[in-house]
Structure formats: structure tokens, C-alpha cells
Amino acid sequence: MKIKSKLTFLALILATTAHYAAADPVSVNITGNVVASPCTLDTANSDLAVSLGDIQATDLASAGVTSTAKDFKLKLNACPAATTTAVLTFGGNEDTGAPGRYINTGTATNVAVEVLQGSILQGPTTTMSLPVQADRTVTFNLKSRAYAKGQTTPGSIISTMQATFTYQ
């Protein structure tokens, strides 16, 4: 009788564990993205400090007047073959009195700073895209100038434009 009880008990245990072993299958989703590899900023051939030079206060005597533009460029090189486009997103502090322009933190008053691609204003949060050339480079040709918000007073012009690159 003891053997029969032991066999019954063993059968109950096996029946209970069999239920757990037969659980429903679980799906695991695995995701990711393949992204374009970055290019390298060519610091030797990029203009990372742009001087607007000396500007006469009388040349910025009224709102909307601009100084002579100074050309500068940001050059990328060593772009991987799979990277076909470079996107430049402009960043920095916008001058609330001159939308689309960068704030002047220098001592000259009533002046903001413009960054342009040709005649297109490139203020904070704007973007521009250029294709990667056959030599695996991209050159963003830009220009900068002072913008009068009204009669300016003499002093320094200091502004910072941030450049963030993404790739496609």
C-alpha cells in the first residue's frame, strides 16, 4: 500500500509540473536602426572664428541696415560611402528683437548677428542639407553680418552660432 501511495503522489507531482512546462510561447521583439555614419569636421579648412571687423556706428544707423557680410565655411571630410547627405542644424540664442538672428552678447547695443546661406537667413533651429561630394566631402558656404535693430552704439559684437550635423 505504501508503494501505491508513493506512486500516486509522484503522479500528482508530475501532472502539476507538466502543466508549468507547457506554458504558452513568448515572442521577443528585437529592433534597431542602421544609421548613416558621421563625417569628420575638417577644422583646418573650416572657419570656426569669424571676424566682422570694425564697423562704423554710422553704418548701422537705423533698423534693418546690415554691415558687409563676411564669408565663412564649415567643411566636413572623410564621409563614409554610405553617407549621402549632411544636414546642418543651426543653434544658438535668438535675438527676440530681431527674429531669425543671433543675439549679441557684446557691448554694442541695438545690433544682432545674421548668418546666411546665399541670401537665405539661417537663424537658430533652421536646417540646411547638402549632398556628399564624390571626394567624400561637404562644404557649407555661409556668411555673417551685423544687423541693426535701431541706432547702434559703439562696442563689441559677440555671438555664438552652434552647428549640429546629422547624416543620411
N, C-alpha and C. Protein backbone atom coordinates (compact mmCIF):
# COMPACT_ATOMS: atom_id res chain seq x y z
N MET A 1 0.80 -1.18 0.00
CA MET A 1 0.00 0.00 0.00
C MET A 1 0.86 1.25 0.00
N LYS A 2 1.95 1.19 0.71
CA LYS A 2 2.83 2.34 0.75
C LYS A 2 3.38 2.65 -0.63
N ILE A 3 3.69 1.65 -1.39
CA ILE A 3 4.22 1.86 -2.74
C ILE A 3 3.16 2.50 -3.61
N LYS A 4 1.90 2.04 -3.47
CA LYS A 4 0.82 2.60 -4.27
C LYS A 4 0.62 4.08 -3.93
N SER A 5 0.72 4.45 -2.67
CA SER A 5 0.58 5.85 -2.24
C SER A 5 1.71 6.70 -2.80
N LYS A 6 2.90 6.13 -2.76
CA LYS A 6 4.05 6.87 -3.28
C LYS A 6 3.92 7.10 -4.79
N LEU A 7 3.44 6.09 -5.50
CA LEU A 7 3.25 6.24 -6.95
C LEU A 7 2.16 7.25 -7.27
N THR A 8 1.09 7.26 -6.49
CA THR A 8 0.02 8.24 -6.68
C THR A 8 0.55 9.65 -6.43
N PHE A 9 1.31 9.81 -5.35
CA PHE A 9 1.88 11.11 -5.01
C PHE A 9 2.83 11.58 -6.12
N LEU A 10 3.67 10.69 -6.62
CA LEU A 10 4.60 11.00 -7.71
C LEU A 10 3.84 11.39 -8.97
N ALA A 11 2.76 10.71 -9.27
CA ALA A 11 1.94 11.02 -10.45
C ALA A 11 1.33 12.41 -10.33
N LEU A 12 0.88 12.78 -9.13
CA LEU A 12 0.32 14.12 -8.91
C LEU A 12 1.38 15.21 -9.11
N ILE A 13 2.57 14.98 -8.60
CA ILE A 13 3.65 15.95 -8.77
C ILE A 13 4.00 16.11 -10.24
N LEU A 14 4.13 15.02 -10.95
CA LEU A 14 4.47 15.08 -12.37
C LEU A 14 3.36 15.77 -13.17
N ALA A 15 2.12 15.52 -12.83
CA ALA A 15 1.00 16.16 -13.53
C ALA A 15 1.01 17.66 -13.29
N THR A 16 1.34 18.08 -12.08
CA THR A 16 1.39 19.50 -11.75
C THR A 16 2.53 20.19 -12.47
N THR A 17 3.72 19.61 -12.49
CA THR A 17 4.85 20.24 -13.17
C THR A 17 4.70 20.19 -14.67
N ALA A 18 4.01 19.24 -15.19
CA ALA A 18 3.79 19.18 -16.63
C ALA A 18 2.97 20.37 -17.09
N HIS A 19 2.07 20.81 -16.25
CA HIS A 19 1.26 21.98 -16.57
C HIS A 19 2.16 23.21 -16.73
N TYR A 20 3.14 23.37 -15.84
CA TYR A 20 4.04 24.52 -15.92
C TYR A 20 5.00 24.41 -17.09
N ALA A 21 5.38 23.25 -17.45
CA ALA A 21 6.31 23.07 -18.55
C ALA A 21 5.65 23.33 -19.90
N ALA A 22 4.34 23.32 -19.95
CA ALA A 22 3.64 23.51 -21.21
C ALA A 22 3.09 24.93 -21.34
N ALA A 23 3.80 25.93 -20.81
CA ALA A 23 3.33 27.31 -20.88
C ALA A 23 3.33 27.80 -22.32
N ASP A 24 2.55 28.86 -22.58
CA ASP A 24 2.47 29.44 -23.92
C ASP A 24 3.82 30.01 -24.33
N PRO A 25 4.14 29.95 -25.62
CA PRO A 25 5.41 30.53 -26.08
C PRO A 25 5.38 32.06 -25.96
N VAL A 26 6.52 32.64 -25.78
CA VAL A 26 6.66 34.08 -25.64
C VAL A 26 7.45 34.61 -26.82
N SER A 27 6.98 35.71 -27.41
CA SER A 27 7.70 36.34 -28.52
C SER A 27 8.57 37.46 -27.96
N VAL A 28 9.78 37.56 -28.43
CA VAL A 28 10.69 38.63 -28.08
C VAL A 28 10.95 39.42 -29.35
N ASN A 29 10.58 40.71 -29.33
CA ASN A 29 10.82 41.57 -30.50
C ASN A 29 12.17 42.24 -30.34
N ILE A 30 12.97 42.17 -31.36
CA ILE A 30 14.30 42.77 -31.36
C ILE A 30 14.30 43.82 -32.45
N THR A 31 14.62 45.07 -32.07
CA THR A 31 14.61 46.16 -33.04
C THR A 31 15.91 46.94 -32.97
N GLY A 32 16.13 47.75 -33.96
CA GLY A 32 17.31 48.61 -34.02
C GLY A 32 17.23 49.45 -35.28
N ASN A 33 18.20 50.28 -35.47
CA ASN A 33 18.28 51.12 -36.66
C ASN A 33 19.70 51.09 -37.19
N VAL A 34 19.82 51.07 -38.48
CA VAL A 34 21.11 51.26 -39.12
C VAL A 34 21.12 52.72 -39.55
N VAL A 35 22.08 53.48 -39.06
CA VAL A 35 22.12 54.91 -39.36
C VAL A 35 23.37 55.23 -40.18
N ALA A 36 23.28 56.34 -40.88
CA ALA A 36 24.43 56.78 -41.68
C ALA A 36 25.57 57.16 -40.74
N SER A 37 26.76 56.79 -41.11
CA SER A 37 27.93 57.10 -40.29
C SER A 37 28.32 58.56 -40.46
N PRO A 38 28.93 59.14 -39.43
CA PRO A 38 29.25 60.57 -39.49
C PRO A 38 30.50 60.87 -40.33
N CYS A 39 30.52 62.10 -40.78
CA CYS A 39 31.72 62.65 -41.42
C CYS A 39 32.57 63.26 -40.31
N THR A 40 33.72 63.79 -40.67
CA THR A 40 34.62 64.44 -39.72
C THR A 40 34.68 65.93 -40.05
N LEU A 41 34.60 66.79 -39.02
CA LEU A 41 34.76 68.22 -39.24
C LEU A 41 36.21 68.51 -39.58
N ASP A 42 36.44 69.11 -40.72
CA ASP A 42 37.78 69.47 -41.17
C ASP A 42 38.14 70.82 -40.55
N THR A 43 38.67 70.78 -39.33
CA THR A 43 38.94 72.02 -38.60
C THR A 43 40.01 72.88 -39.27
N ALA A 44 40.92 72.26 -40.01
CA ALA A 44 41.97 73.03 -40.70
C ALA A 44 41.40 73.87 -41.84
N ASN A 45 40.29 73.42 -42.42
CA ASN A 45 39.70 74.14 -43.56
C ASN A 45 38.32 74.69 -43.26
N SER A 46 37.98 74.82 -41.99
CA SER A 46 36.72 75.42 -41.57
C SER A 46 37.02 76.71 -40.82
N ASP A 47 36.10 77.65 -40.92
CA ASP A 47 36.26 78.93 -40.23
C ASP A 47 35.44 78.88 -38.94
N LEU A 48 36.12 78.63 -37.83
CA LEU A 48 35.44 78.49 -36.55
C LEU A 48 35.43 79.77 -35.74
N ALA A 49 36.09 80.80 -36.25
CA ALA A 49 36.05 82.13 -35.65
C ALA A 49 35.90 83.12 -36.81
N VAL A 50 34.82 83.86 -36.80
CA VAL A 50 34.52 84.80 -37.89
C VAL A 50 34.60 86.21 -37.34
N SER A 51 35.45 87.04 -37.95
CA SER A 51 35.57 88.43 -37.53
C SER A 51 34.78 89.32 -38.49
N LEU A 52 33.88 90.09 -37.94
CA LEU A 52 33.14 91.06 -38.76
C LEU A 52 33.95 92.33 -38.97
N GLY A 53 35.07 92.45 -38.26
CA GLY A 53 35.94 93.61 -38.41
C GLY A 53 35.35 94.83 -37.72
N ASP A 54 35.94 95.98 -38.02
CA ASP A 54 35.45 97.24 -37.46
C ASP A 54 34.32 97.77 -38.33
N ILE A 55 33.21 98.08 -37.72
CA ILE A 55 32.03 98.59 -38.42
C ILE A 55 31.73 99.97 -37.83
N GLN A 56 31.60 100.95 -38.66
CA GLN A 56 31.27 102.29 -38.19
C GLN A 56 29.84 102.32 -37.65
N ALA A 57 29.65 102.92 -36.48
CA ALA A 57 28.31 103.02 -35.90
C ALA A 57 27.37 103.74 -36.84
N THR A 58 27.89 104.69 -37.60
CA THR A 58 27.04 105.43 -38.55
C THR A 58 26.55 104.54 -39.69
N ASP A 59 27.26 103.42 -39.94
CA ASP A 59 26.82 102.49 -40.99
C ASP A 59 25.65 101.63 -40.52
N LEU A 60 25.40 101.62 -39.22
CA LEU A 60 24.27 100.86 -38.66
C LEU A 60 23.34 101.84 -37.94
N ALA A 61 22.94 102.88 -38.66
CA ALA A 61 22.21 103.99 -38.05
C ALA A 61 20.72 103.76 -37.88
N SER A 62 20.15 102.79 -38.60
CA SER A 62 18.70 102.60 -38.48
C SER A 62 18.35 101.11 -38.59
N ALA A 63 17.18 100.77 -38.10
CA ALA A 63 16.72 99.38 -38.09
C ALA A 63 16.69 98.78 -39.49
N GLY A 64 17.20 97.55 -39.59
CA GLY A 64 17.18 96.83 -40.86
C GLY A 64 18.43 96.97 -41.69
N VAL A 65 19.31 97.88 -41.32
CA VAL A 65 20.56 98.08 -42.06
C VAL A 65 21.54 96.97 -41.63
N THR A 66 22.35 96.50 -42.58
CA THR A 66 23.32 95.45 -42.28
C THR A 66 24.72 95.89 -42.67
N SER A 67 25.70 95.27 -42.06
CA SER A 67 27.10 95.52 -42.42
C SER A 67 27.46 94.66 -43.63
N THR A 68 28.66 94.83 -44.11
CA THR A 68 29.18 93.98 -45.18
C THR A 68 29.32 92.55 -44.64
N ALA A 69 28.87 91.59 -45.42
CA ALA A 69 28.93 90.19 -45.00
C ALA A 69 30.35 89.64 -45.11
N LYS A 70 30.69 88.78 -44.18
CA LYS A 70 31.98 88.08 -44.18
C LYS A 70 31.72 86.60 -44.45
N ASP A 71 32.38 86.08 -45.48
CA ASP A 71 32.21 84.67 -45.84
C ASP A 71 32.92 83.77 -44.84
N PHE A 72 32.31 82.62 -44.59
CA PHE A 72 32.98 81.58 -43.81
C PHE A 72 32.41 80.23 -44.24
N LYS A 73 33.13 79.18 -43.89
CA LYS A 73 32.68 77.85 -44.30
C LYS A 73 32.90 76.84 -43.18
N LEU A 74 32.07 75.81 -43.23
CA LEU A 74 32.23 74.63 -42.38
C LEU A 74 32.39 73.46 -43.33
N LYS A 75 33.53 72.78 -43.23
CA LYS A 75 33.82 71.69 -44.17
C LYS A 75 33.89 70.37 -43.43
N LEU A 76 33.22 69.39 -44.00
CA LEU A 76 33.26 68.02 -43.49
C LEU A 76 34.06 67.17 -44.47
N ASN A 77 34.82 66.23 -43.96
CA ASN A 77 35.54 65.30 -44.84
C ASN A 77 35.44 63.89 -44.28
N ALA A 78 36.04 62.96 -44.97
CA ALA A 78 36.05 61.55 -44.57
C ALA A 78 34.65 61.00 -44.36
N CYS A 79 33.72 61.43 -45.20
CA CYS A 79 32.35 60.91 -45.10
C CYS A 79 32.34 59.47 -45.61
N PRO A 80 31.77 58.55 -44.87
CA PRO A 80 31.70 57.16 -45.32
C PRO A 80 30.88 57.03 -46.61
N ALA A 81 31.16 56.02 -47.38
CA ALA A 81 30.49 55.82 -48.67
C ALA A 81 28.98 55.71 -48.53
N ALA A 82 28.50 55.16 -47.42
CA ALA A 82 27.06 55.00 -47.23
C ALA A 82 26.36 56.31 -46.85
N THR A 83 27.13 57.32 -46.50
CA THR A 83 26.55 58.61 -46.13
C THR A 83 26.41 59.46 -47.39
N THR A 84 25.18 59.85 -47.70
CA THR A 84 24.93 60.58 -48.94
C THR A 84 24.57 62.05 -48.73
N THR A 85 24.13 62.40 -47.52
CA THR A 85 23.68 63.77 -47.25
C THR A 85 24.11 64.18 -45.85
N ALA A 86 24.55 65.43 -45.73
CA ALA A 86 24.85 66.00 -44.41
C ALA A 86 23.82 67.10 -44.15
N VAL A 87 23.28 67.10 -42.95
CA VAL A 87 22.28 68.09 -42.56
C VAL A 87 22.87 68.92 -41.43
N LEU A 88 22.88 70.24 -41.63
CA LEU A 88 23.38 71.17 -40.62
C LEU A 88 22.17 71.81 -39.95
N THR A 89 22.07 71.65 -38.63
CA THR A 89 21.03 72.32 -37.85
C THR A 89 21.70 73.44 -37.08
N PHE A 90 21.20 74.65 -37.29
CA PHE A 90 21.75 75.82 -36.63
C PHE A 90 21.15 75.95 -35.23
N GLY A 91 21.97 76.36 -34.29
CA GLY A 91 21.50 76.56 -32.93
C GLY A 91 22.15 77.79 -32.33
N GLY A 92 21.65 78.21 -31.22
CA GLY A 92 22.16 79.39 -30.54
C GLY A 92 21.01 80.18 -29.95
N ASN A 93 21.33 81.32 -29.39
CA ASN A 93 20.30 82.16 -28.78
C ASN A 93 19.79 83.18 -29.78
N GLU A 94 18.49 83.11 -30.02
CA GLU A 94 17.86 84.04 -30.96
C GLU A 94 17.63 85.38 -30.28
N ASP A 95 17.82 86.44 -31.03
CA ASP A 95 17.53 87.79 -30.55
C ASP A 95 16.02 88.02 -30.67
N THR A 96 15.34 88.17 -29.55
CA THR A 96 13.88 88.32 -29.59
C THR A 96 13.45 89.61 -30.28
N GLY A 97 14.33 90.59 -30.33
CA GLY A 97 14.02 91.84 -31.02
C GLY A 97 14.32 91.78 -32.51
N ALA A 98 14.92 90.70 -32.95
CA ALA A 98 15.26 90.52 -34.37
C ALA A 98 15.14 89.04 -34.70
N PRO A 99 13.92 88.54 -34.85
CA PRO A 99 13.71 87.10 -35.08
C PRO A 99 14.55 86.54 -36.23
N GLY A 100 15.05 85.31 -36.02
CA GLY A 100 15.87 84.65 -37.04
C GLY A 100 17.33 85.06 -37.00
N ARG A 101 17.67 85.90 -36.04
CA ARG A 101 19.05 86.37 -35.90
C ARG A 101 19.58 85.99 -34.52
N TYR A 102 20.88 86.00 -34.40
CA TYR A 102 21.53 85.60 -33.15
C TYR A 102 21.76 86.82 -32.26
N ILE A 103 21.61 86.60 -30.96
CA ILE A 103 21.74 87.69 -30.00
C ILE A 103 23.21 88.12 -29.89
N ASN A 104 23.41 89.40 -29.74
CA ASN A 104 24.74 89.96 -29.48
C ASN A 104 24.91 90.05 -27.98
N THR A 105 25.96 89.41 -27.45
CA THR A 105 26.24 89.49 -26.02
C THR A 105 27.39 90.46 -25.73
N GLY A 106 27.85 91.16 -26.77
CA GLY A 106 28.89 92.17 -26.60
C GLY A 106 28.30 93.48 -26.10
N THR A 107 29.11 94.53 -26.13
CA THR A 107 28.71 95.82 -25.56
C THR A 107 28.02 96.75 -26.55
N ALA A 108 28.10 96.49 -27.84
CA ALA A 108 27.36 97.31 -28.82
C ALA A 108 25.87 97.07 -28.62
N THR A 109 25.07 98.13 -28.68
CA THR A 109 23.63 97.97 -28.46
C THR A 109 22.87 98.07 -29.77
N ASN A 110 21.66 97.50 -29.75
CA ASN A 110 20.76 97.52 -30.92
C ASN A 110 21.34 96.81 -32.13
N VAL A 111 22.10 95.78 -31.90
CA VAL A 111 22.68 95.02 -33.01
C VAL A 111 22.52 93.52 -32.75
N ALA A 112 22.19 92.80 -33.80
CA ALA A 112 22.11 91.34 -33.77
C ALA A 112 23.05 90.82 -34.85
N VAL A 113 23.18 89.51 -34.93
CA VAL A 113 24.08 88.90 -35.92
C VAL A 113 23.27 87.99 -36.84
N GLU A 114 23.49 88.16 -38.13
CA GLU A 114 22.85 87.31 -39.13
C GLU A 114 23.84 86.27 -39.64
N VAL A 115 23.34 85.07 -39.91
CA VAL A 115 24.08 84.03 -40.62
C VAL A 115 23.23 83.69 -41.83
N LEU A 116 23.88 83.66 -43.00
CA LEU A 116 23.15 83.42 -44.24
C LEU A 116 23.82 82.34 -45.08
N GLN A 117 22.98 81.66 -45.85
CA GLN A 117 23.44 80.79 -46.92
C GLN A 117 22.95 81.48 -48.18
N GLY A 118 23.86 82.12 -48.90
CA GLY A 118 23.44 82.97 -50.01
C GLY A 118 22.63 84.13 -49.45
N SER A 119 21.37 84.24 -49.85
CA SER A 119 20.52 85.30 -49.31
C SER A 119 19.51 84.75 -48.29
N ILE A 120 19.63 83.47 -47.95
CA ILE A 120 18.68 82.83 -47.03
C ILE A 120 19.19 82.94 -45.60
N LEU A 121 18.38 83.55 -44.75
CA LEU A 121 18.70 83.70 -43.34
C LEU A 121 18.67 82.33 -42.67
N GLN A 122 19.74 82.01 -41.94
CA GLN A 122 19.84 80.72 -41.23
C GLN A 122 19.92 80.99 -39.73
N GLY A 123 18.77 81.23 -39.14
CA GLY A 123 18.71 81.50 -37.71
C GLY A 123 18.67 80.23 -36.89
N PRO A 124 18.64 80.39 -35.56
CA PRO A 124 18.56 79.23 -34.68
C PRO A 124 17.37 78.34 -35.04
N THR A 125 17.59 77.06 -35.06
CA THR A 125 16.63 75.97 -35.35
C THR A 125 16.40 75.73 -36.84
N THR A 126 17.00 76.52 -37.73
CA THR A 126 16.84 76.23 -39.16
C THR A 126 17.82 75.13 -39.56
N THR A 127 17.58 74.53 -40.71
CA THR A 127 18.45 73.47 -41.20
C THR A 127 18.78 73.69 -42.66
N MET A 128 19.89 73.14 -43.08
CA MET A 128 20.23 73.09 -44.50
C MET A 128 20.89 71.74 -44.77
N SER A 129 20.59 71.18 -45.94
CA SER A 129 21.12 69.87 -46.33
C SER A 129 21.94 70.00 -47.59
N LEU A 130 23.05 69.29 -47.62
CA LEU A 130 23.89 69.26 -48.81
C LEU A 130 24.31 67.82 -49.09
N PRO A 131 24.43 67.48 -50.38
CA PRO A 131 24.88 66.12 -50.71
C PRO A 131 26.38 65.96 -50.47
N VAL A 132 26.77 64.74 -50.15
CA VAL A 132 28.19 64.41 -50.03
C VAL A 132 28.76 64.33 -51.44
N GLN A 133 29.89 64.99 -51.67
CA GLN A 133 30.53 65.02 -52.99
C GLN A 133 31.29 63.71 -53.25
N ALA A 134 31.70 63.52 -54.49
CA ALA A 134 32.42 62.31 -54.88
C ALA A 134 33.71 62.12 -54.09
N ASP A 135 34.34 63.23 -53.67
CA ASP A 135 35.58 63.12 -52.88
C ASP A 135 35.28 62.93 -51.39
N ARG A 136 34.02 62.63 -51.04
CA ARG A 136 33.55 62.33 -49.68
C ARG A 136 33.63 63.55 -48.76
N THR A 137 33.43 64.75 -49.31
CA THR A 137 33.43 65.98 -48.53
C THR A 137 32.10 66.71 -48.70
N VAL A 138 31.84 67.62 -47.77
CA VAL A 138 30.69 68.52 -47.84
C VAL A 138 31.17 69.87 -47.34
N THR A 139 30.88 70.94 -48.07
CA THR A 139 31.27 72.27 -47.64
C THR A 139 30.04 73.16 -47.54
N PHE A 140 29.79 73.65 -46.33
CA PHE A 140 28.69 74.59 -46.09
C PHE A 140 29.27 76.00 -46.20
N ASN A 141 28.96 76.69 -47.30
CA ASN A 141 29.43 78.06 -47.50
C ASN A 141 28.40 79.01 -46.92
N LEU A 142 28.84 79.80 -45.96
CA LEU A 142 27.95 80.70 -45.23
C LEU A 142 28.55 82.10 -45.19
N LYS A 143 27.78 83.03 -44.68
CA LYS A 143 28.30 84.37 -44.43
C LYS A 143 27.60 84.94 -43.21
N SER A 144 28.26 85.90 -42.59
CA SER A 144 27.72 86.53 -41.40
C SER A 144 27.86 88.04 -41.52
N ARG A 145 26.93 88.74 -40.86
CA ARG A 145 26.98 90.20 -40.86
C ARG A 145 26.21 90.73 -39.66
N ALA A 146 26.50 91.99 -39.33
CA ALA A 146 25.78 92.66 -38.24
C ALA A 146 24.45 93.18 -38.79
N TYR A 147 23.45 93.19 -37.94
CA TYR A 147 22.11 93.66 -38.30
C TYR A 147 21.67 94.69 -37.27
N ALA A 148 21.34 95.89 -37.74
CA ALA A 148 20.91 96.96 -36.83
C ALA A 148 19.44 96.80 -36.48
N LYS A 149 19.15 96.85 -35.18
CA LYS A 149 17.76 96.84 -34.72
C LYS A 149 17.26 98.26 -34.50
N GLY A 150 18.13 99.20 -34.67
CA GLY A 150 17.88 100.63 -34.46
C GLY A 150 19.23 101.31 -34.46
N GLN A 151 19.30 102.55 -34.03
CA GLN A 151 20.59 103.25 -33.95
C GLN A 151 21.51 102.49 -33.00
N THR A 152 22.62 102.01 -33.52
CA THR A 152 23.56 101.25 -32.69
C THR A 152 24.52 102.18 -31.97
N THR A 153 25.07 101.67 -30.87
CA THR A 153 26.11 102.40 -30.17
C THR A 153 27.40 101.59 -30.28
N PRO A 154 28.54 102.26 -30.27
CA PRO A 154 29.82 101.56 -30.40
C PRO A 154 30.02 100.54 -29.27
N GLY A 155 30.71 99.48 -29.61
CA GLY A 155 31.04 98.44 -28.65
C GLY A 155 31.34 97.15 -29.39
N SER A 156 31.54 96.11 -28.64
CA SER A 156 31.89 94.82 -29.24
C SER A 156 30.65 94.06 -29.70
N ILE A 157 30.87 93.21 -30.70
CA ILE A 157 29.83 92.29 -31.17
C ILE A 157 30.35 90.89 -30.89
N ILE A 158 29.59 90.16 -30.08
CA ILE A 158 29.96 88.78 -29.73
C ILE A 158 28.70 87.93 -29.85
N SER A 159 28.79 86.87 -30.62
CA SER A 159 27.65 85.99 -30.79
C SER A 159 28.15 84.57 -31.03
N THR A 160 27.33 83.61 -30.70
CA THR A 160 27.70 82.21 -30.91
C THR A 160 26.63 81.49 -31.70
N MET A 161 27.05 80.86 -32.78
CA MET A 161 26.17 80.01 -33.57
C MET A 161 26.65 78.58 -33.34
N GLN A 162 25.75 77.70 -33.01
CA GLN A 162 26.10 76.30 -32.82
C GLN A 162 25.71 75.52 -34.07
N ALA A 163 26.54 74.58 -34.45
CA ALA A 163 26.27 73.74 -35.63
C ALA A 163 26.20 72.29 -35.18
N THR A 164 25.08 71.65 -35.49
CA THR A 164 24.91 70.23 -35.20
C THR A 164 24.71 69.51 -36.53
N PHE A 165 25.50 68.48 -36.76
CA PHE A 165 25.42 67.74 -38.02
C PHE A 165 24.75 66.39 -37.80
N THR A 166 23.87 66.04 -38.73
CA THR A 166 23.31 64.70 -38.79
C THR A 166 23.51 64.20 -40.22
N TYR A 167 23.37 62.91 -40.39
CA TYR A 167 23.74 62.32 -41.68
C TYR A 167 22.67 61.36 -42.17
N GLN A 168 22.56 61.29 -43.48
CA GLN A 168 21.60 60.37 -44.11
C GLN A 168 22.33 59.54 -45.14
